[in-house]
Amino acid sequence: MVSMTAHSRGPPAGAVGSNATYGAEAMVSMTAHSFGPPAGAVVDSNATYGAEAMVSMTHIHVDYPPAQLVVTLRNGAEAMVSMTAIVDLPAGAVGSNATYGAEAMVSMTAHSR
């Protein structure tokens, strides 16, 4: 898994929406999107808005109520996690954010290295 900060230009074409296949390559730099996605992009729209729907984990960590962190299907961006920080993620976990939910939520700023 690679550092999210290394992917400041976004994932390769077709990668968004297929995390199980592309893994970390489908995750873009959260810190690069510090202003968040366009209106309506967060809810159920990662496949549509791609990188635009992935917001700064730092902002989510501060602004979102704790209860929302586990509602990954309704809050798409929250499901984007730091693969760099979670080095012991079980096999298959990349494509199962709904299962690992809050445990996979980390601050991109805190784990920028």
N, C-alpha and C. Protein backbone atom coordinates (compact mmCIF):
# COMPACT_ATOMS: atom_id res chain seq x y z
N MET A 1 0.84 -1.18 0.00
CA MET A 1 0.00 0.00 0.00
C MET A 1 0.89 1.25 0.00
N VAL A 2 0.43 2.23 -0.64
CA VAL A 2 1.24 3.42 -0.76
C VAL A 2 0.67 4.59 0.01
N SER A 3 1.49 5.61 0.16
CA SER A 3 1.06 6.81 0.88
C SER A 3 0.03 7.57 0.07
N MET A 4 -1.03 8.01 0.76
CA MET A 4 -2.08 8.75 0.07
C MET A 4 -1.55 10.06 -0.48
N THR A 5 -0.57 10.65 0.20
CA THR A 5 -0.04 11.93 -0.25
C THR A 5 0.68 11.80 -1.58
N ALA A 6 1.04 10.60 -1.95
CA ALA A 6 1.75 10.39 -3.21
C ALA A 6 0.80 10.44 -4.40
N HIS A 7 -0.50 10.31 -4.11
CA HIS A 7 -1.48 10.29 -5.19
C HIS A 7 -2.26 11.60 -5.30
N SER A 8 -1.55 12.70 -5.29
CA SER A 8 -2.21 14.00 -5.32
C SER A 8 -2.91 14.30 -6.64
N ARG A 9 -2.61 13.54 -7.66
CA ARG A 9 -3.23 13.79 -8.96
C ARG A 9 -4.37 12.82 -9.26
N GLY A 10 -4.70 12.00 -8.29
CA GLY A 10 -5.83 11.10 -8.46
C GLY A 10 -5.46 9.72 -8.98
N PRO A 11 -6.43 8.81 -9.00
CA PRO A 11 -6.20 7.43 -9.41
C PRO A 11 -6.18 7.28 -10.93
N PRO A 12 -5.73 6.13 -11.41
CA PRO A 12 -5.73 5.91 -12.86
C PRO A 12 -7.16 5.82 -13.37
N ALA A 13 -7.34 6.02 -14.66
CA ALA A 13 -8.67 5.98 -15.25
C ALA A 13 -9.36 4.66 -14.93
N GLY A 14 -10.61 4.76 -14.49
CA GLY A 14 -11.37 3.56 -14.17
C GLY A 14 -11.12 2.98 -12.80
N ALA A 15 -10.21 3.56 -12.05
CA ALA A 15 -9.88 3.00 -10.74
C ALA A 15 -10.93 3.29 -9.68
N VAL A 16 -11.54 4.46 -9.74
CA VAL A 16 -12.53 4.82 -8.73
C VAL A 16 -13.74 3.91 -8.84
N GLY A 17 -14.14 3.37 -7.71
CA GLY A 17 -15.29 2.47 -7.71
C GLY A 17 -14.88 1.01 -7.78
N SER A 18 -13.58 0.76 -7.89
CA SER A 18 -13.12 -0.62 -7.92
C SER A 18 -11.93 -0.78 -7.00
N ASN A 19 -12.12 -0.40 -5.74
CA ASN A 19 -11.05 -0.48 -4.77
C ASN A 19 -10.55 -1.90 -4.55
N ALA A 20 -11.46 -2.87 -4.68
CA ALA A 20 -11.06 -4.25 -4.47
C ALA A 20 -10.01 -4.67 -5.50
N THR A 21 -10.07 -4.05 -6.67
CA THR A 21 -9.13 -4.36 -7.74
C THR A 21 -7.86 -3.53 -7.68
N TYR A 22 -8.03 -2.23 -7.53
CA TYR A 22 -6.89 -1.33 -7.56
C TYR A 22 -6.28 -1.02 -6.20
N GLY A 23 -6.99 -1.38 -5.13
CA GLY A 23 -6.46 -1.13 -3.80
C GLY A 23 -6.10 0.31 -3.55
N ALA A 24 -4.90 0.54 -3.05
CA ALA A 24 -4.46 1.88 -2.70
C ALA A 24 -4.37 2.81 -3.90
N GLU A 25 -4.18 2.25 -5.09
CA GLU A 25 -4.08 3.08 -6.28
C GLU A 25 -5.37 3.84 -6.54
N ALA A 26 -6.48 3.32 -6.05
CA ALA A 26 -7.76 3.96 -6.26
C ALA A 26 -8.04 5.05 -5.23
N MET A 27 -7.16 5.16 -4.24
CA MET A 27 -7.32 6.18 -3.21
C MET A 27 -6.46 7.39 -3.55
N VAL A 28 -7.02 8.56 -3.49
CA VAL A 28 -6.24 9.75 -3.80
C VAL A 28 -5.87 10.50 -2.55
N SER A 29 -5.02 11.50 -2.70
CA SER A 29 -4.56 12.27 -1.56
C SER A 29 -5.71 13.01 -0.89
N MET A 30 -5.96 12.68 0.37
CA MET A 30 -7.03 13.34 1.09
C MET A 30 -6.66 14.79 1.39
N THR A 31 -5.39 15.01 1.65
CA THR A 31 -4.96 16.36 2.00
C THR A 31 -5.09 17.31 0.82
N ALA A 32 -5.11 16.76 -0.39
CA ALA A 32 -5.22 17.60 -1.58
C ALA A 32 -6.63 18.15 -1.73
N HIS A 33 -7.60 17.48 -1.08
CA HIS A 33 -8.99 17.90 -1.18
C HIS A 33 -9.48 18.53 0.12
N SER A 34 -8.70 19.46 0.64
CA SER A 34 -9.01 20.04 1.93
C SER A 34 -10.27 20.88 1.97
N PHE A 35 -10.80 21.20 0.79
CA PHE A 35 -12.01 22.01 0.77
C PHE A 35 -13.26 21.18 0.54
N GLY A 36 -13.08 19.87 0.41
CA GLY A 36 -14.23 18.99 0.26
C GLY A 36 -14.74 18.88 -1.16
N PRO A 37 -15.72 18.00 -1.37
CA PRO A 37 -16.29 17.74 -2.69
C PRO A 37 -17.36 18.76 -3.05
N PRO A 38 -17.80 18.74 -4.30
CA PRO A 38 -18.87 19.65 -4.68
C PRO A 38 -20.16 19.24 -3.97
N ALA A 39 -21.13 20.12 -3.91
CA ALA A 39 -22.39 19.84 -3.23
C ALA A 39 -23.00 18.54 -3.71
N GLY A 40 -23.37 17.68 -2.76
CA GLY A 40 -24.01 16.42 -3.10
C GLY A 40 -23.07 15.30 -3.52
N ALA A 41 -21.78 15.55 -3.52
CA ALA A 41 -20.84 14.54 -4.01
C ALA A 41 -20.55 13.44 -3.01
N VAL A 42 -20.69 13.73 -1.73
CA VAL A 42 -20.31 12.76 -0.72
C VAL A 42 -21.22 11.54 -0.66
N VAL A 43 -22.51 11.73 -0.74
CA VAL A 43 -23.45 10.64 -0.57
C VAL A 43 -23.59 9.73 -1.79
N ASP A 44 -23.19 8.47 -1.60
CA ASP A 44 -23.34 7.46 -2.66
C ASP A 44 -22.86 7.90 -4.03
N SER A 45 -21.77 8.61 -4.14
CA SER A 45 -21.39 9.09 -5.46
C SER A 45 -19.91 9.01 -5.78
N ASN A 46 -19.18 8.11 -5.13
CA ASN A 46 -17.76 8.01 -5.42
C ASN A 46 -17.51 7.61 -6.87
N ALA A 47 -18.35 6.71 -7.40
CA ALA A 47 -18.17 6.26 -8.77
C ALA A 47 -18.43 7.39 -9.76
N THR A 48 -19.32 8.30 -9.38
CA THR A 48 -19.66 9.41 -10.26
C THR A 48 -18.69 10.57 -10.17
N TYR A 49 -18.37 10.98 -8.96
CA TYR A 49 -17.51 12.14 -8.78
C TYR A 49 -16.03 11.81 -8.63
N GLY A 50 -15.73 10.53 -8.46
CA GLY A 50 -14.34 10.11 -8.35
C GLY A 50 -13.57 10.85 -7.28
N ALA A 51 -12.41 11.38 -7.65
CA ALA A 51 -11.55 12.07 -6.71
C ALA A 51 -12.24 13.26 -6.06
N GLU A 52 -13.17 13.88 -6.77
CA GLU A 52 -13.87 15.04 -6.22
C GLU A 52 -14.68 14.66 -4.98
N ALA A 53 -15.11 13.41 -4.91
CA ALA A 53 -15.93 12.97 -3.79
C ALA A 53 -15.10 12.55 -2.59
N MET A 54 -13.79 12.45 -2.78
CA MET A 54 -12.92 12.06 -1.67
C MET A 54 -12.40 13.31 -1.00
N VAL A 55 -12.85 13.55 0.21
CA VAL A 55 -12.48 14.77 0.90
C VAL A 55 -11.37 14.56 1.92
N SER A 56 -10.88 15.66 2.44
CA SER A 56 -9.81 15.61 3.42
C SER A 56 -10.24 14.85 4.66
N MET A 57 -9.50 13.80 5.01
CA MET A 57 -9.83 13.04 6.20
C MET A 57 -9.67 13.91 7.43
N THR A 58 -8.83 14.90 7.33
CA THR A 58 -8.64 15.80 8.46
C THR A 58 -9.93 16.55 8.74
N HIS A 59 -10.56 17.03 7.70
CA HIS A 59 -11.81 17.76 7.87
C HIS A 59 -12.93 16.85 8.35
N ILE A 60 -12.98 15.65 7.82
CA ILE A 60 -14.02 14.71 8.22
C ILE A 60 -13.84 14.34 9.69
N HIS A 61 -12.60 14.15 10.09
CA HIS A 61 -12.28 13.77 11.46
C HIS A 61 -12.79 14.82 12.44
N VAL A 62 -12.78 16.06 12.02
CA VAL A 62 -13.18 17.16 12.89
C VAL A 62 -14.66 17.50 12.76
N ASP A 63 -15.16 17.53 11.55
CA ASP A 63 -16.51 18.02 11.30
C ASP A 63 -17.66 17.03 11.32
N TYR A 64 -17.39 15.76 11.12
CA TYR A 64 -18.47 14.80 11.07
C TYR A 64 -18.77 14.17 12.43
N PRO A 65 -20.06 14.01 12.77
CA PRO A 65 -20.44 13.36 14.03
C PRO A 65 -19.89 11.93 14.03
N PRO A 66 -19.42 11.44 15.18
CA PRO A 66 -18.86 10.09 15.26
C PRO A 66 -19.76 9.01 14.66
N ALA A 67 -21.06 9.16 14.84
CA ALA A 67 -22.00 8.15 14.34
C ALA A 67 -21.94 7.98 12.83
N GLN A 68 -21.54 9.02 12.11
CA GLN A 68 -21.51 8.95 10.66
C GLN A 68 -20.32 8.17 10.12
N LEU A 69 -19.31 7.98 10.93
CA LEU A 69 -18.11 7.31 10.46
C LEU A 69 -18.36 5.87 10.04
N VAL A 70 -19.39 5.25 10.58
CA VAL A 70 -19.66 3.86 10.23
C VAL A 70 -20.71 3.71 9.14
N VAL A 71 -21.29 4.81 8.72
CA VAL A 71 -22.31 4.76 7.67
C VAL A 71 -21.63 4.92 6.32
N THR A 72 -20.80 3.97 5.96
CA THR A 72 -19.99 4.11 4.75
C THR A 72 -20.79 4.12 3.46
N LEU A 73 -21.90 3.42 3.44
CA LEU A 73 -22.68 3.40 2.22
C LEU A 73 -23.38 4.72 1.96
N ARG A 74 -23.69 5.45 3.03
CA ARG A 74 -24.37 6.72 2.88
C ARG A 74 -23.39 7.88 2.80
N ASN A 75 -22.22 7.69 3.37
CA ASN A 75 -21.21 8.74 3.36
C ASN A 75 -19.95 8.23 2.70
N GLY A 76 -19.99 8.16 1.39
CA GLY A 76 -18.90 7.60 0.61
C GLY A 76 -17.50 8.00 1.00
N ALA A 77 -17.24 9.28 1.14
CA ALA A 77 -15.89 9.75 1.41
C ALA A 77 -15.31 9.17 2.69
N GLU A 78 -16.15 8.93 3.69
CA GLU A 78 -15.64 8.39 4.94
C GLU A 78 -15.06 7.00 4.78
N ALA A 79 -15.45 6.33 3.72
CA ALA A 79 -14.97 4.97 3.49
C ALA A 79 -13.55 4.93 2.92
N MET A 80 -13.03 6.09 2.49
CA MET A 80 -11.68 6.15 1.97
C MET A 80 -10.70 6.16 3.14
N VAL A 81 -9.87 5.17 3.24
CA VAL A 81 -9.00 5.04 4.39
C VAL A 81 -7.52 5.10 4.04
N SER A 82 -6.71 5.25 5.08
CA SER A 82 -5.28 5.28 4.89
C SER A 82 -4.72 3.87 4.94
N MET A 83 -4.35 3.33 3.79
CA MET A 83 -3.80 1.99 3.75
C MET A 83 -2.38 1.97 4.33
N THR A 84 -1.75 3.12 4.30
CA THR A 84 -0.41 3.21 4.83
C THR A 84 -0.41 3.02 6.34
N ALA A 85 -1.38 3.62 7.00
CA ALA A 85 -1.44 3.55 8.45
C ALA A 85 -1.90 2.18 8.95
N ILE A 86 -2.84 1.58 8.21
CA ILE A 86 -3.40 0.30 8.64
C ILE A 86 -2.62 -0.84 7.99
N VAL A 87 -1.45 -1.08 8.51
CA VAL A 87 -0.56 -2.06 7.89
C VAL A 87 -0.98 -3.50 8.11
N ASP A 88 -1.83 -3.75 9.10
CA ASP A 88 -2.25 -5.11 9.39
C ASP A 88 -3.67 -5.43 8.95
N LEU A 89 -4.17 -4.67 7.98
CA LEU A 89 -5.52 -4.91 7.48
C LEU A 89 -5.61 -6.32 6.90
N PRO A 90 -6.62 -7.09 7.30
CA PRO A 90 -6.75 -8.47 6.83
C PRO A 90 -6.95 -8.55 5.32
N ALA A 91 -6.62 -9.70 4.75
CA ALA A 91 -6.81 -9.90 3.32
C ALA A 91 -8.28 -9.68 2.97
N GLY A 92 -8.52 -8.94 1.91
CA GLY A 92 -9.88 -8.67 1.49
C GLY A 92 -10.51 -7.44 2.11
N ALA A 93 -9.82 -6.83 3.06
CA ALA A 93 -10.38 -5.68 3.76
C ALA A 93 -10.51 -4.44 2.90
N VAL A 94 -9.67 -4.34 1.88
CA VAL A 94 -9.71 -3.16 1.02
C VAL A 94 -11.07 -2.97 0.38
N GLY A 95 -11.72 -4.04 0.03
CA GLY A 95 -13.03 -3.94 -0.60
C GLY A 95 -14.19 -4.13 0.34
N SER A 96 -13.92 -4.03 1.65
CA SER A 96 -15.00 -4.24 2.61
C SER A 96 -15.04 -3.16 3.66
N ASN A 97 -15.10 -1.92 3.22
CA ASN A 97 -15.16 -0.80 4.16
C ASN A 97 -16.41 -0.85 5.03
N ALA A 98 -17.50 -1.40 4.48
CA ALA A 98 -18.74 -1.47 5.25
C ALA A 98 -18.55 -2.36 6.47
N THR A 99 -17.63 -3.32 6.35
CA THR A 99 -17.37 -4.23 7.46
C THR A 99 -16.42 -3.64 8.48
N TYR A 100 -15.34 -3.05 8.01
CA TYR A 100 -14.34 -2.53 8.93
C TYR A 100 -14.64 -1.11 9.41
N GLY A 101 -15.44 -0.39 8.63
CA GLY A 101 -15.96 0.92 9.02
C GLY A 101 -15.04 1.82 9.83
N ALA A 102 -15.52 2.21 11.01
CA ALA A 102 -14.82 3.19 11.83
C ALA A 102 -13.39 2.81 12.17
N GLU A 103 -13.11 1.51 12.29
CA GLU A 103 -11.77 1.07 12.65
C GLU A 103 -10.76 1.46 11.59
N ALA A 104 -11.23 1.68 10.38
CA ALA A 104 -10.34 2.01 9.28
C ALA A 104 -10.20 3.52 9.08
N MET A 105 -10.92 4.31 9.88
CA MET A 105 -10.88 5.75 9.72
C MET A 105 -9.65 6.34 10.42
N VAL A 106 -8.85 7.04 9.68
CA VAL A 106 -7.66 7.66 10.25
C VAL A 106 -7.47 9.07 9.70
N SER A 107 -6.67 9.84 10.41
CA SER A 107 -6.39 11.20 9.96
C SER A 107 -5.26 11.17 8.94
N MET A 108 -5.51 11.68 7.73
CA MET A 108 -4.48 11.66 6.71
C MET A 108 -3.30 12.54 7.11
N THR A 109 -3.61 13.60 7.82
CA THR A 109 -2.53 14.50 8.24
C THR A 109 -1.63 13.80 9.25
N ALA A 110 -2.22 13.09 10.17
CA ALA A 110 -1.45 12.40 11.21
C ALA A 110 -0.57 11.30 10.62
N HIS A 111 -1.02 10.74 9.50
CA HIS A 111 -0.28 9.64 8.89
C HIS A 111 0.34 10.02 7.54
N SER A 112 0.70 11.28 7.39
CA SER A 112 1.21 11.74 6.10
C SER A 112 2.59 11.18 5.77
N ARG A 113 3.24 10.54 6.73
CA ARG A 113 4.55 9.97 6.47
C ARG A 113 4.49 8.45 6.56
